[in-house]
Amino acid sequence: MKTRLALVMAAAVVLLLACVAPALARAERGGVDAVPYAWLLQLRGVEKQSMTSMAFRNWTKKKYVQRTVVDDNKTPDDPSDDLSYTGVALWRLVGRIDDKDPGTFNVRRATTGAGYNVVVEAVDGFSAVFTSVEVATLKNKLVVANRVNGVPLNLGAASIKNAGEPDQYAAWKPNWPLKLVSSDGSIFGNRKPAGVVRISIVPATGTTASAPPFEQAAGDTSTTAAKAASDDPPAGGWTLTLQGKLKRVIKISKFPARVAWDGRKAGDINPSLRYVYKGQSLYKLLALVDDKRPRSFNLAKAKKGYRIQFICRDGYKPKIRSRLILKNGKPRKTWIVAKLKAGKRLEGKEAPFRFVGGPPITQPFNNKLSAYGVIKIRLIF
């Protein structure tokens, strides 16, 4: 709760600075270094620091600090649309807070024993987690950028999703003030968050680079990391708990897997989804607990609106609105809670259940519709 509150306050500070930024920008004008908004980057670890936009920009001007990563924009054969991001390597920022010496990166601490995790958080609460070994190994291949093609990052794009449909909603994909980029092919999709405002060090919990890259916990990430659970099933086997007007616990052996969602069109955004998943339609599971009649889905109540919360083993607790599971007044059949992937039960971090469905596009949870390690679904009326 404290971390979530602090992040909200950080975002408020960023927005406050944006309000006074025109005066700051006028004072700084002088060619390509002029910026439209001021901002703060929070660094939280053994030491606590906050870097202003001016301090960050001046630091990246130093030749030994400045690093550039080129993004081919998914068209390697066409250099005309390449994006050149410039900033500072993540390890240098971590080095400011990994021990009492802010001038150096503690390689020994990062690579000895369990190490620690580095959480990179965005202004919208979205985040990516890296192990300290990843940070130390990738070194200059992980860059926190403040410029693209020589100019400051823009604010990002706002849009209306499902325009003209009953479940339309507004969405914003932040880009400013900073973006994590990488020249390493193993870092892709949502492990490169934009709108970065905080970098934190938290205790290691066994997170690895091979973990599915999408569900990066939003909100209280330090607590989330501390709660990461074993991948081994509990005594008696995995279950899914449904909590609403009624409560139902379903053993994985009794969980149906008759409805399929084909994620092979997920592309390069999230390869972990590029399989055929099978499970049960979400609305049919909700029907078991959405009112006192477990034999039918309460369409009227779903249209009126409530929240559906997915509770995962690692502490991630995303929510969606009940109206989102409706299209043209009918429940979406292929938004499913899956227990099978390519014909086999989910394993590792994905187990025991994974919520998938809809177009796997590059947006936060509400659009991409994927949460793994699901153990409970709660209806909030």
Protein backbone atom coordinates (compact mmCIF):
# COMPACT_ATOMS: atom_id res chain seq x y z
CA MET A 1 0.00 0.00 0.00
CA LYS A 2 2.83 2.38 0.89
CA THR A 3 4.61 1.66 -2.37
CA ARG A 4 1.43 2.19 -4.38
CA LEU A 5 0.76 5.48 -2.58
CA ALA A 6 4.34 6.61 -3.16
CA LEU A 7 4.06 5.84 -6.86
CA VAL A 8 0.82 7.81 -7.11
CA MET A 9 2.52 10.72 -5.33
CA ALA A 10 5.46 10.43 -7.70
CA ALA A 11 3.12 10.64 -10.66
CA ALA A 12 1.47 13.68 -9.07
CA VAL A 13 4.88 15.34 -8.70
CA VAL A 14 5.64 14.61 -12.32
CA LEU A 15 2.34 16.16 -13.40
CA LEU A 16 2.92 19.15 -11.12
CA LEU A 17 6.30 19.70 -12.69
CA ALA A 18 4.64 19.45 -16.08
CA CYS A 19 2.38 22.31 -15.10
CA VAL A 20 5.29 24.60 -14.22
CA ALA A 21 7.43 23.25 -17.03
CA PRO A 22 6.78 25.98 -19.62
CA ALA A 23 8.70 28.45 -17.46
CA LEU A 24 11.48 25.94 -16.90
CA ALA A 25 11.61 25.13 -20.58
CA ARG A 26 11.87 28.81 -21.52
CA ALA A 27 14.76 29.18 -19.10
CA GLU A 28 16.55 26.19 -20.62
CA ARG A 29 16.00 26.89 -24.30
CA GLY A 30 19.06 26.64 -26.36
CA GLY A 31 18.56 24.39 -29.37
CA VAL A 32 18.14 20.64 -29.29
CA ASP A 33 18.47 20.43 -25.49
CA ALA A 34 15.26 22.40 -24.87
CA VAL A 35 12.53 20.18 -23.36
CA PRO A 36 8.79 20.85 -23.04
CA TYR A 37 8.38 19.38 -19.53
CA ALA A 38 10.41 18.82 -16.39
CA TRP A 39 10.28 15.53 -14.47
CA LEU A 40 11.78 13.50 -11.61
CA LEU A 41 13.18 9.96 -11.66
CA GLN A 42 12.96 8.17 -8.30
CA LEU A 43 15.76 5.75 -7.37
CA ARG A 44 15.01 3.50 -4.39
CA GLY A 45 17.41 0.97 -2.85
CA VAL A 46 20.07 1.02 -0.13
CA GLU A 47 20.22 4.71 -0.98
CA LYS A 48 17.31 6.91 -2.04
CA GLN A 49 17.73 9.55 -4.72
CA SER A 50 15.64 11.61 -7.10
CA MET A 51 17.10 12.84 -10.39
CA THR A 52 15.65 15.88 -12.11
CA SER A 53 15.29 15.96 -15.87
CA MET A 54 18.11 18.52 -16.06
CA ALA A 55 20.48 16.37 -13.97
CA PHE A 56 19.67 13.29 -16.04
CA ARG A 57 20.15 15.15 -19.32
CA ASN A 58 23.46 16.66 -18.22
CA TRP A 59 24.68 13.26 -17.05
CA THR A 60 23.89 11.61 -20.37
CA LYS A 61 25.90 14.25 -22.20
CA LYS A 62 29.10 12.75 -20.78
CA LYS A 63 30.67 10.54 -23.45
CA TYR A 64 31.56 7.73 -21.05
CA VAL A 65 27.94 7.65 -19.78
CA GLN A 66 25.86 8.18 -22.91
CA ARG A 67 24.60 5.04 -24.62
CA THR A 68 22.55 4.61 -27.79
CA VAL A 69 20.30 1.72 -28.82
CA VAL A 70 18.85 1.43 -32.33
CA ASP A 71 15.37 -0.06 -32.71
CA ASP A 72 14.73 -1.31 -36.24
CA ASN A 73 10.99 -0.81 -35.66
CA LYS A 74 10.28 -4.45 -36.69
CA THR A 75 11.65 -3.82 -40.21
CA PRO A 76 15.33 -4.85 -40.16
CA ASP A 77 15.62 -4.49 -43.93
CA ASP A 78 14.41 -0.89 -43.92
CA PRO A 79 16.76 1.45 -42.02
CA SER A 80 14.68 4.50 -42.99
CA ASP A 81 12.27 3.98 -40.06
CA ASP A 82 14.88 3.06 -37.43
CA LEU A 83 14.54 4.71 -34.03
CA SER A 84 17.74 5.74 -32.24
CA TYR A 85 17.26 5.94 -28.46
CA THR A 86 19.84 7.74 -26.30
CA GLY A 87 20.21 7.66 -22.53
CA VAL A 88 22.13 5.96 -19.75
CA ALA A 89 22.69 2.26 -19.07
CA LEU A 90 20.43 0.80 -16.39
CA TRP A 91 23.41 -0.55 -14.42
CA ARG A 92 24.70 2.99 -13.85
CA LEU A 93 21.39 4.04 -12.28
CA VAL A 94 21.30 0.87 -10.16
CA GLY A 95 24.86 1.62 -9.06
CA ARG A 96 23.64 4.80 -7.40
CA ILE A 97 21.44 2.86 -4.96
CA ASP A 98 22.85 -0.68 -4.68
CA ASP A 99 25.12 0.16 -1.71
CA LYS A 100 26.50 3.12 0.24
CA ASP A 101 28.79 4.11 -2.65
CA PRO A 102 26.63 5.87 -5.29
CA GLY A 103 29.57 6.26 -7.66
CA THR A 104 30.03 2.58 -8.58
CA PHE A 105 27.97 -0.46 -9.56
CA ASN A 106 28.49 -3.27 -7.02
CA VAL A 107 29.12 -6.19 -9.40
CA ARG A 108 29.84 -8.60 -6.55
CA ARG A 109 26.52 -7.98 -4.85
CA ALA A 110 24.69 -8.22 -8.17
CA THR A 111 26.19 -11.55 -9.18
CA THR A 112 26.79 -13.36 -5.87
CA GLY A 113 24.21 -15.75 -4.44
CA ALA A 114 20.58 -14.83 -5.13
CA GLY A 115 21.46 -11.22 -5.96
CA TYR A 116 18.40 -8.96 -6.08
CA ASN A 117 15.69 -7.76 -8.46
CA VAL A 118 15.46 -4.40 -10.19
CA VAL A 119 11.92 -3.08 -10.72
CA VAL A 120 11.44 -0.46 -13.43
CA GLU A 121 8.09 1.29 -12.91
CA ALA A 122 6.11 3.53 -15.25
CA VAL A 123 3.89 6.51 -14.57
CA ASP A 124 0.76 4.38 -15.16
CA GLY A 125 1.82 1.78 -12.56
CA PHE A 126 3.07 -0.74 -15.12
CA SER A 127 6.47 -2.28 -14.43
CA ALA A 128 9.18 -4.68 -15.59
CA VAL A 129 11.40 -6.80 -13.37
CA PHE A 130 15.04 -7.68 -14.08
CA THR A 131 17.39 -9.82 -12.03
CA SER A 132 20.60 -8.18 -10.87
CA VAL A 133 22.48 -10.79 -12.93
CA GLU A 134 20.64 -9.61 -16.06
CA VAL A 135 21.57 -6.01 -15.31
CA ALA A 136 25.22 -6.94 -14.72
CA THR A 137 25.44 -9.25 -17.75
CA LEU A 138 23.61 -7.11 -20.31
CA LYS A 139 25.42 -4.01 -19.03
CA ASN A 140 25.23 -1.35 -21.79
CA LYS A 141 22.60 -3.31 -23.71
CA LEU A 142 19.92 -2.13 -21.24
CA VAL A 143 19.43 1.62 -21.61
CA VAL A 144 17.06 4.06 -19.90
CA ALA A 145 16.51 6.57 -22.69
CA ASN A 146 15.28 10.16 -22.55
CA ARG A 147 15.68 10.93 -26.28
CA VAL A 148 14.71 9.34 -29.55
CA ASN A 149 16.27 10.40 -32.84
CA GLY A 150 17.86 13.33 -31.03
CA VAL A 151 14.72 14.84 -29.45
CA PRO A 152 12.95 14.28 -26.08
CA LEU A 153 10.34 11.52 -25.91
CA ASN A 154 6.76 12.60 -26.52
CA LEU A 155 3.99 12.19 -23.96
CA GLY A 156 2.48 9.11 -25.58
CA ALA A 157 -0.76 8.25 -27.33
CA ALA A 158 -4.35 8.27 -26.10
CA SER A 159 -7.02 6.30 -27.91
CA ILE A 160 -10.53 4.87 -27.70
CA LYS A 161 -10.62 1.08 -27.70
CA ASN A 162 -13.58 -0.82 -29.19
CA ALA A 163 -14.92 2.48 -30.54
CA GLY A 164 -18.64 2.45 -31.18
CA GLU A 165 -19.20 -0.73 -29.16
CA PRO A 166 -20.86 -0.97 -25.73
CA ASP A 167 -17.54 -1.89 -24.11
CA GLN A 168 -15.55 1.05 -25.52
CA TYR A 169 -13.09 2.70 -23.16
CA ALA A 170 -10.30 5.24 -23.14
CA ALA A 171 -6.68 4.07 -23.05
CA TRP A 172 -3.36 5.86 -22.75
CA LYS A 173 0.02 4.40 -23.57
CA PRO A 174 2.65 6.62 -21.91
CA ASN A 175 5.99 7.26 -23.57
CA TRP A 176 7.44 10.17 -21.58
CA PRO A 177 9.61 10.88 -19.62
CA LEU A 178 11.88 7.82 -20.02
CA LYS A 179 11.79 4.53 -21.86
CA LEU A 180 13.73 1.33 -21.17
CA VAL A 181 15.18 -0.03 -24.41
CA SER A 182 17.58 -2.84 -25.24
CA SER A 183 19.81 -4.06 -28.05
CA ASP A 184 19.53 -7.63 -26.74
CA GLY A 185 17.01 -9.83 -28.53
CA SER A 186 15.92 -11.56 -25.31
CA ILE A 187 14.44 -8.29 -24.02
CA PHE A 188 11.25 -7.58 -25.93
CA GLY A 189 7.66 -6.39 -25.69
CA ASN A 190 6.56 -5.31 -22.23
CA ARG A 191 9.98 -5.86 -20.69
CA LYS A 192 10.73 -2.49 -22.28
CA PRO A 193 8.30 -0.19 -20.43
CA ALA A 194 7.80 3.44 -21.38
CA GLY A 195 6.84 6.32 -19.10
CA VAL A 196 9.47 5.26 -16.53
CA VAL A 197 9.45 7.29 -13.29
CA ARG A 198 10.98 4.93 -10.70
CA ILE A 199 13.73 2.32 -10.45
CA SER A 200 13.81 0.20 -7.28
CA ILE A 201 15.86 -2.62 -5.81
CA VAL A 202 13.87 -5.41 -4.08
CA PRO A 203 14.85 -8.81 -2.63
CA ALA A 204 15.44 -11.61 -5.14
CA THR A 205 12.72 -14.24 -5.45
CA GLY A 206 13.93 -16.50 -8.24
CA THR A 207 12.68 -14.33 -11.14
CA THR A 208 14.54 -15.21 -14.33
CA ALA A 209 14.86 -13.81 -17.82
CA SER A 210 13.00 -16.83 -19.17
CA ALA A 211 9.83 -16.03 -17.24
CA PRO A 212 6.87 -14.96 -19.39
CA PRO A 213 7.45 -11.25 -20.01
CA PHE A 214 3.97 -9.78 -19.95
CA GLU A 215 2.54 -9.74 -16.46
CA GLN A 216 4.81 -7.29 -14.72
CA ALA A 217 3.11 -6.47 -11.50
CA ALA A 218 1.57 -3.04 -11.17
CA GLY A 219 1.31 -1.17 -7.89
CA ASP A 220 3.03 -2.66 -4.86
CA THR A 221 5.88 -4.33 -6.73
CA SER A 222 8.17 -4.76 -3.73
CA THR A 223 5.48 -6.78 -1.95
CA THR A 224 4.74 -8.66 -5.15
CA ALA A 225 8.36 -9.71 -5.51
CA ALA A 226 8.48 -10.86 -1.90
CA LYS A 227 5.39 -13.03 -2.40
CA ALA A 228 6.62 -14.99 -5.41
CA ALA A 229 5.61 -18.57 -4.79
CA SER A 230 7.02 -21.98 -5.58
CA ASP A 231 6.07 -23.49 -8.93
CA ASP A 232 5.31 -26.81 -7.22
CA PRO A 233 1.60 -27.60 -6.72
CA PRO A 234 0.32 -27.57 -3.13
CA ALA A 235 -0.66 -30.72 -1.28
CA GLY A 236 -3.82 -32.04 -2.89
CA GLY A 237 -3.10 -30.36 -6.23
CA TRP A 238 -3.94 -27.01 -7.81
CA THR A 239 -7.39 -25.46 -7.45
CA LEU A 240 -9.18 -22.38 -8.75
CA THR A 241 -11.29 -20.43 -6.25
CA LEU A 242 -14.25 -18.41 -7.52
CA GLN A 243 -15.59 -15.79 -5.10
CA GLY A 244 -18.73 -13.70 -5.71
CA LYS A 245 -22.24 -13.96 -4.37
CA LEU A 246 -21.30 -17.62 -3.93
CA LYS A 247 -17.98 -19.37 -3.47
CA ARG A 248 -16.75 -22.30 -5.53
CA VAL A 249 -13.44 -24.18 -5.46
CA ILE A 250 -12.65 -26.27 -8.56
CA LYS A 251 -9.89 -28.89 -8.60
CA ILE A 252 -7.69 -28.75 -11.67
CA SER A 253 -8.56 -32.37 -12.46
CA LYS A 254 -12.25 -31.38 -12.68
CA PHE A 255 -11.62 -28.13 -14.56
CA PRO A 256 -13.00 -28.29 -18.14
CA ALA A 257 -10.75 -27.64 -21.14
CA ARG A 258 -13.18 -27.59 -24.05
CA VAL A 259 -12.80 -24.00 -25.27
CA ALA A 260 -9.71 -22.94 -27.24
CA TRP A 261 -7.95 -19.61 -27.80
CA ASP A 262 -5.33 -19.51 -30.57
CA GLY A 263 -2.41 -17.32 -29.51
CA ARG A 264 -0.21 -18.21 -32.48
CA LYS A 265 -0.95 -14.78 -33.92
CA ALA A 266 0.65 -13.11 -30.91
CA GLY A 267 3.73 -12.35 -33.01
CA ASP A 268 6.92 -11.12 -31.40
CA ILE A 269 5.21 -9.08 -28.70
CA ASN A 270 4.91 -12.04 -26.34
CA PRO A 271 6.17 -15.41 -27.60
CA SER A 272 4.98 -17.11 -24.42
CA LEU A 273 1.41 -16.70 -25.76
CA ARG A 274 2.14 -18.11 -29.22
CA TYR A 275 0.35 -21.41 -28.58
CA VAL A 276 -3.15 -22.87 -28.55
CA TYR A 277 -4.59 -22.61 -25.04
CA LYS A 278 -7.61 -24.59 -23.84
CA GLY A 279 -9.80 -24.10 -20.82
CA GLN A 280 -13.21 -22.72 -19.87
CA SER A 281 -14.89 -19.51 -21.02
CA LEU A 282 -14.53 -16.84 -18.35
CA TYR A 283 -18.23 -15.97 -18.37
CA LYS A 284 -19.17 -19.59 -17.63
CA LEU A 285 -16.96 -19.54 -14.56
CA LEU A 286 -18.48 -16.24 -13.45
CA ALA A 287 -21.94 -17.76 -13.87
CA LEU A 288 -21.17 -20.13 -11.02
CA VAL A 289 -20.83 -17.32 -8.47
CA ASP A 290 -22.27 -14.06 -9.93
CA ASP A 291 -25.62 -14.54 -8.17
CA LYS A 292 -27.52 -17.14 -6.16
CA ARG A 293 -28.30 -19.12 -9.35
CA PRO A 294 -25.10 -20.92 -10.40
CA ARG A 295 -26.64 -22.45 -13.53
CA SER A 296 -26.83 -19.27 -15.61
CA PHE A 297 -24.69 -16.21 -16.39
CA ASN A 298 -26.29 -13.01 -15.07
CA LEU A 299 -26.09 -10.88 -18.21
CA ALA A 300 -28.01 -7.97 -16.68
CA LYS A 301 -25.60 -7.74 -13.77
CA ALA A 302 -22.61 -7.86 -16.12
CA LYS A 303 -24.08 -5.01 -18.18
CA LYS A 304 -24.73 -2.99 -15.03
CA GLY A 305 -21.10 -3.44 -14.14
CA TYR A 306 -18.78 -5.00 -11.58
CA ARG A 307 -15.06 -5.72 -11.33
CA ILE A 308 -13.42 -9.06 -12.10
CA GLN A 309 -10.13 -9.51 -10.25
CA PHE A 310 -7.58 -12.20 -11.08
CA ILE A 311 -5.38 -13.16 -8.13
CA CYS A 312 -2.08 -14.76 -9.15
CA ARG A 313 0.51 -16.76 -7.23
CA ASP A 314 3.12 -13.99 -7.49
CA GLY A 315 0.82 -11.38 -5.94
CA TYR A 316 -0.30 -9.77 -9.21
CA LYS A 317 -3.98 -8.76 -8.95
CA PRO A 318 -5.21 -7.17 -12.20
CA LYS A 319 -8.85 -6.18 -12.68
CA ILE A 320 -11.17 -5.77 -15.65
CA ARG A 321 -14.73 -4.47 -15.92
CA SER A 322 -17.52 -6.97 -16.46
CA ARG A 323 -18.68 -4.98 -19.50
CA LEU A 324 -15.41 -5.84 -21.26
CA ILE A 325 -16.34 -9.51 -21.45
CA LEU A 326 -19.43 -8.58 -23.50
CA LYS A 327 -19.53 -7.90 -27.23
CA ASN A 328 -22.74 -6.82 -28.94
CA GLY A 329 -24.58 -7.68 -25.75
CA LYS A 330 -23.27 -11.25 -25.58
CA PRO A 331 -20.44 -12.80 -23.52
CA ARG A 332 -17.16 -13.47 -25.34
CA LYS A 333 -16.66 -17.24 -25.56
CA THR A 334 -12.92 -17.24 -26.32
CA TRP A 335 -11.88 -15.12 -23.36
CA ILE A 336 -10.88 -18.16 -21.38
CA VAL A 337 -9.21 -19.36 -18.21
CA ALA A 338 -6.86 -22.01 -19.58
CA LYS A 339 -5.24 -25.03 -17.97
CA LEU A 340 -3.71 -26.47 -21.16
CA LYS A 341 -1.05 -25.07 -23.48
CA ALA A 342 -0.27 -27.01 -26.68
CA GLY A 343 -2.21 -29.93 -25.20
CA LYS A 344 -0.30 -30.07 -21.90
CA ARG A 345 -1.03 -28.65 -18.47
CA LEU A 346 0.54 -25.28 -17.77
CA GLU A 347 3.92 -25.43 -16.08
CA GLY A 348 6.28 -23.16 -14.16
CA LYS A 349 5.15 -19.57 -13.64
CA GLU A 350 2.09 -20.08 -15.87
CA ALA A 351 0.62 -22.83 -13.67
CA PRO A 352 -2.04 -23.57 -12.68
CA PHE A 353 -4.28 -21.35 -14.82
CA ARG A 354 -3.78 -18.51 -17.28
CA PHE A 355 -6.36 -15.97 -18.41
CA VAL A 356 -6.04 -15.32 -22.15
CA GLY A 357 -8.18 -14.01 -24.96
CA GLY A 358 -8.70 -11.20 -27.38
CA PRO A 359 -6.08 -9.56 -29.60
CA PRO A 360 -2.59 -9.82 -28.08
CA ILE A 361 -1.59 -6.24 -28.74
CA THR A 362 0.97 -4.00 -27.09
CA GLN A 363 -1.11 -2.43 -24.36
CA PRO A 364 -1.41 -2.91 -20.59
CA PHE A 365 -3.52 -5.67 -19.03
CA ASN A 366 -6.98 -4.48 -20.03
CA ASN A 367 -6.13 -4.80 -23.71
CA LYS A 368 -3.66 -7.65 -23.81
CA LEU A 369 -5.80 -9.87 -21.60
CA SER A 370 -3.27 -12.21 -20.11
CA ALA A 371 -2.46 -13.09 -16.51
CA TYR A 372 -0.64 -16.25 -15.51
CA GLY A 373 -0.42 -18.23 -12.27
CA VAL A 374 -4.10 -17.52 -11.57
CA ILE A 375 -5.40 -19.22 -8.42
CA LYS A 376 -8.48 -17.14 -7.65
CA ILE A 377 -11.08 -15.01 -9.44
CA ARG A 378 -13.00 -12.53 -7.32
CA LEU A 379 -16.07 -10.54 -8.31
CA ILE A 380 -16.23 -7.07 -6.76
CA PHE A 381 -19.75 -5.65 -6.82
